[in-house]
Each structure stands twice: as structure tokens, then as C-alpha cells.
Amino acid sequence: VVVRFGNVVKLMNGIQNVQELHLCPDTLEVLSLCSESMPVFNNLKTLVINGEGDRGWQAVPVLLRNSPHLQTLYIEGLVHYVTDKCGDACDCIYRKDKGRSLTSCPVKELVIGGFTGTMKEMNMIEHFLDYFPCLKKVEIYIDENVLIALRNEAVRIMEMIEEYNISYSCNVRLMRSGQ
């Protein structure tokens, strides 16, 4: 079976001038199959990525590199399916060029929704702090029910957030969802 992605490329070219782009997991997966022909999003200011644990991030590095004026990155769900093509946007797989797509991205604000307090998520946040050079503000949203369930881990999470504020030149805040 030959799959044709001409319509996807046409769609991407048709929306390349948007200022805000919301991508669901299915769309992200389709984009990963045609990331070679991803257009430059010169007007894109806000990118919203809705992640899912069973989907990869193959398209994310290309999206970040091709968004030269991106100011806000919103990620709902940091945990994603790890593949050998995850790219350098995450810290899942060690590679020499780790973080390269992030260092060229002018993101000033990172918003993370659906945070559950895992070490994998904390490592991803630290990865973003290490490699986004223009980052000024990070807001991490956690559901109150998750916070209650993490009662014993809450102190560790708060200490790590405090450490981020001390170690990095941006404001990192942990907030309850709905605030």
C-alpha cells in the first residue's frame, strides 16, 4: 500500500501563516511522516501540542526549527512514546546534538499541562530549561487530584521547582489546574 501525503503538505502550506497552531496526537504523528517538507511558519507565535503517552514526537524538532518567531509553547502531556526518531527536542535518547532544535527556537514562555510529577517529566522540564536560550517563564499545571495522590512526593517536586528557579534565569511556577 502506498500512502500519499500530498494533501498533508498542501494543508501545511495552506496554514503556514497562522499565528496560533494546535496539534493533536494524530496530527503530530502524520506530520512526522512528512517532516522533510514542513514549511517555515514565519507568523507562528503560539504552538500547542497535545501529547499522548503512546505517540511519538518525531515532528516536534522540525516544527520548532521551522518556527523562527515562536514565543509560547504549550505542551499538554510531556510523556510520549520514545522512538529512535524522537529528535533532539526531548531527552529520551542520548545523542550528541541533544537540544539543537531548542537552541535555535526563540520560545520565551513554556506552559506544561497534565503534569503528574514523574522523574521523566522533571527531566524533560530540565532539558527545556537547559536548551531554550530565550526562556523567561515556565508554568507547570498539575491537577489537584494528582497533587493529593503525590502527597509524599510533593515536597520533592517543590524542591526541584525551587532549584530550577535558583539555577536558571527564568521564573518556574507549579500551579494547580484551573488557577
Protein backbone atom coordinates (compact mmCIF):
# COMPACT_ATOMS: atom_id res chain seq x y z
CA VAL A 1 0.00 0.00 0.00
CA VAL A 2 1.41 3.37 -0.99
CA VAL A 3 0.41 6.22 1.26
CA ARG A 4 0.33 9.67 -0.31
CA PHE A 5 0.90 12.76 1.76
CA GLY A 6 0.43 15.40 -0.93
CA ASN A 7 -2.74 16.64 0.74
CA VAL A 8 -0.96 16.96 4.10
CA VAL A 9 1.79 19.04 2.50
CA LYS A 10 -0.85 21.22 0.81
CA LEU A 11 -2.61 21.64 4.14
CA MET A 12 0.61 22.62 5.91
CA ASN A 13 1.46 25.11 3.18
CA GLY A 14 -2.07 26.49 3.46
CA ILE A 15 -1.78 27.13 7.20
CA GLN A 16 1.84 28.25 7.32
CA ASN A 17 0.82 31.87 8.03
CA VAL A 18 -1.22 31.15 11.19
CA GLN A 19 -0.23 32.82 14.46
CA GLU A 20 -1.50 30.01 16.69
CA LEU A 21 -1.38 26.30 15.88
CA HIS A 22 -2.97 23.47 17.91
CA LEU A 23 -1.82 19.93 17.12
CA CYS A 24 -3.48 16.77 18.40
CA PRO A 25 -1.52 13.48 18.71
CA ASP A 26 -2.88 12.12 15.41
CA THR A 27 -1.85 15.26 13.50
CA LEU A 28 1.60 15.20 15.09
CA GLU A 29 2.01 11.59 14.00
CA VAL A 30 1.00 12.37 10.41
CA LEU A 31 3.36 15.36 10.34
CA SER A 32 6.22 13.12 11.43
CA LEU A 33 5.79 11.17 8.21
CA CYS A 34 6.24 14.25 6.04
CA SER A 35 8.53 16.41 8.17
CA GLU A 36 11.04 16.71 5.31
CA SER A 37 8.62 19.04 3.51
CA MET A 38 7.47 21.03 6.55
CA PRO A 39 7.07 24.73 5.65
CA VAL A 40 8.50 27.61 7.67
CA PHE A 41 5.88 29.15 9.97
CA ASN A 42 7.08 32.77 9.93
CA ASN A 43 4.00 34.15 11.73
CA LEU A 44 3.59 31.39 14.32
CA LYS A 45 3.66 32.84 17.86
CA THR A 46 1.94 30.05 19.83
CA LEU A 47 2.26 26.30 19.33
CA VAL A 48 0.01 23.95 21.31
CA ILE A 49 0.97 20.27 21.35
CA ASN A 50 -1.43 17.76 22.86
CA GLY A 51 0.72 14.75 23.60
CA GLU A 52 -0.24 11.19 24.41
CA GLY A 53 1.88 8.52 26.01
CA ASP A 54 1.50 6.18 23.05
CA ARG A 55 2.52 8.70 20.36
CA GLY A 56 5.97 9.94 19.37
CA TRP A 57 7.41 13.44 18.98
CA GLN A 58 9.18 12.94 15.65
CA ALA A 59 7.72 16.14 14.16
CA VAL A 60 8.48 18.40 17.14
CA PRO A 61 12.14 19.25 16.31
CA VAL A 62 11.22 20.27 12.75
CA LEU A 63 8.26 22.32 13.97
CA LEU A 64 10.49 24.18 16.43
CA ARG A 65 13.25 24.79 13.88
CA ASN A 66 10.70 26.00 11.32
CA SER A 67 9.03 28.48 13.70
CA PRO A 68 11.52 31.38 13.88
CA HIS A 69 9.18 33.72 15.80
CA LEU A 70 7.60 31.24 18.21
CA GLN A 71 7.04 32.84 21.62
CA THR A 72 4.83 30.40 23.53
CA LEU A 73 4.98 26.61 23.55
CA TYR A 74 2.15 24.81 25.34
CA ILE A 75 2.54 21.07 25.87
CA GLU A 76 -0.32 19.05 27.29
CA GLY A 77 1.33 15.84 28.47
CA LEU A 78 5.13 15.58 28.40
CA VAL A 79 5.23 11.80 28.40
CA HIS A 80 5.34 10.42 24.88
CA TYR A 81 6.27 7.25 23.05
CA VAL A 82 10.05 7.05 22.67
CA THR A 83 11.33 6.23 19.19
CA ASP A 84 14.75 6.43 17.56
CA LYS A 85 13.39 9.41 15.60
CA CYS A 86 12.13 11.38 18.62
CA GLY A 87 14.55 14.05 17.65
CA ASP A 88 16.57 16.34 19.84
CA ALA A 89 13.53 18.12 21.30
CA CYS A 90 13.37 15.64 24.15
CA ASP A 91 15.89 13.93 26.39
CA CYS A 92 14.60 10.41 25.79
CA ILE A 93 17.59 9.12 23.88
CA TYR A 94 21.17 10.25 24.33
CA ARG A 95 22.62 11.95 21.29
CA LYS A 96 25.46 14.35 20.61
CA ASP A 97 23.24 17.01 19.05
CA LYS A 98 20.84 16.93 22.00
CA GLY A 99 18.74 20.09 22.23
CA ARG A 100 19.84 21.54 18.87
CA SER A 101 16.30 22.31 17.68
CA LEU A 102 15.61 24.02 21.01
CA THR A 103 18.67 26.27 20.98
CA SER A 104 17.57 27.88 17.73
CA CYS A 105 13.99 28.39 18.96
CA PRO A 106 13.09 31.81 20.46
CA VAL A 107 10.43 30.46 22.88
CA LYS A 108 10.02 32.80 25.85
CA GLU A 109 7.18 31.01 27.61
CA LEU A 110 6.69 27.29 28.17
CA VAL A 111 3.38 26.04 29.57
CA ILE A 112 3.07 22.40 30.60
CA GLY A 113 -0.34 20.91 31.28
CA GLY A 114 -1.21 17.49 32.62
CA PHE A 115 1.90 17.30 34.82
CA THR A 116 1.91 14.18 37.03
CA GLY A 117 5.18 14.63 38.92
CA THR A 118 7.22 11.79 37.41
CA MET A 119 11.00 11.95 37.18
CA LYS A 120 10.71 11.59 33.41
CA GLU A 121 8.64 14.79 33.32
CA MET A 122 11.06 16.59 35.66
CA ASN A 123 13.96 15.57 33.39
CA MET A 124 12.08 16.87 30.34
CA ILE A 125 11.47 20.21 32.08
CA GLU A 126 15.14 20.46 32.97
CA HIS A 127 16.03 19.62 29.36
CA PHE A 128 13.86 22.52 28.17
CA LEU A 129 15.43 24.84 30.75
CA ASP A 130 18.90 23.80 29.59
CA TYR A 131 18.31 24.29 25.88
CA PHE A 132 15.72 27.07 25.31
CA PRO A 133 18.03 30.12 25.44
CA CYS A 134 15.28 32.79 25.50
CA LEU A 135 13.03 31.11 28.06
CA LYS A 136 11.74 33.59 30.67
CA LYS A 137 8.68 31.87 32.12
CA VAL A 138 7.64 28.25 32.75
CA GLU A 139 4.21 27.38 34.11
CA ILE A 140 3.61 23.77 35.11
CA TYR A 141 -0.02 22.80 35.73
CA ILE A 142 -0.87 19.85 37.96
CA ASP A 143 -4.36 18.55 38.69
CA GLU A 144 -5.37 18.79 42.34
CA ASN A 145 -6.20 15.05 42.46
CA VAL A 146 -2.69 14.25 41.23
CA LEU A 147 -1.23 16.61 43.83
CA ILE A 148 -3.18 14.84 46.59
CA ALA A 149 -2.05 11.43 45.31
CA LEU A 150 1.57 12.65 45.30
CA ARG A 151 1.38 13.76 48.92
CA ASN A 152 4.75 12.20 49.80
CA GLU A 153 6.41 13.32 46.56
CA ALA A 154 5.05 16.89 46.66
CA VAL A 155 7.97 18.12 48.79
CA ARG A 156 10.49 16.66 46.33
CA ILE A 157 8.70 18.26 43.39
CA MET A 158 8.55 21.66 45.14
CA GLU A 159 12.27 21.42 45.97
CA MET A 160 13.08 20.70 42.33
CA ILE A 161 10.95 23.67 41.19
CA GLU A 162 12.80 25.89 43.71
CA GLU A 163 16.12 24.56 42.41
CA TYR A 164 15.08 25.42 38.85
CA ASN A 165 14.32 28.99 39.94
CA ILE A 166 17.74 29.28 41.57
CA SER A 167 19.72 27.62 38.76
CA TYR A 168 18.04 29.14 35.71
CA SER A 169 17.30 32.71 34.68
CA CYS A 170 13.58 32.20 34.27
CA ASN A 171 10.55 32.06 36.53
CA VAL A 172 9.31 28.48 37.06
CA ARG A 173 5.92 28.06 38.74
CA LEU A 174 3.96 24.96 39.72
CA MET A 175 0.24 25.70 39.61
CA ARG A 176 -2.94 23.75 40.23
CA SER A 177 -5.06 23.22 37.13
CA GLY A 178 -7.91 25.70 36.99
CA GLN A 179 -5.96 28.56 38.61
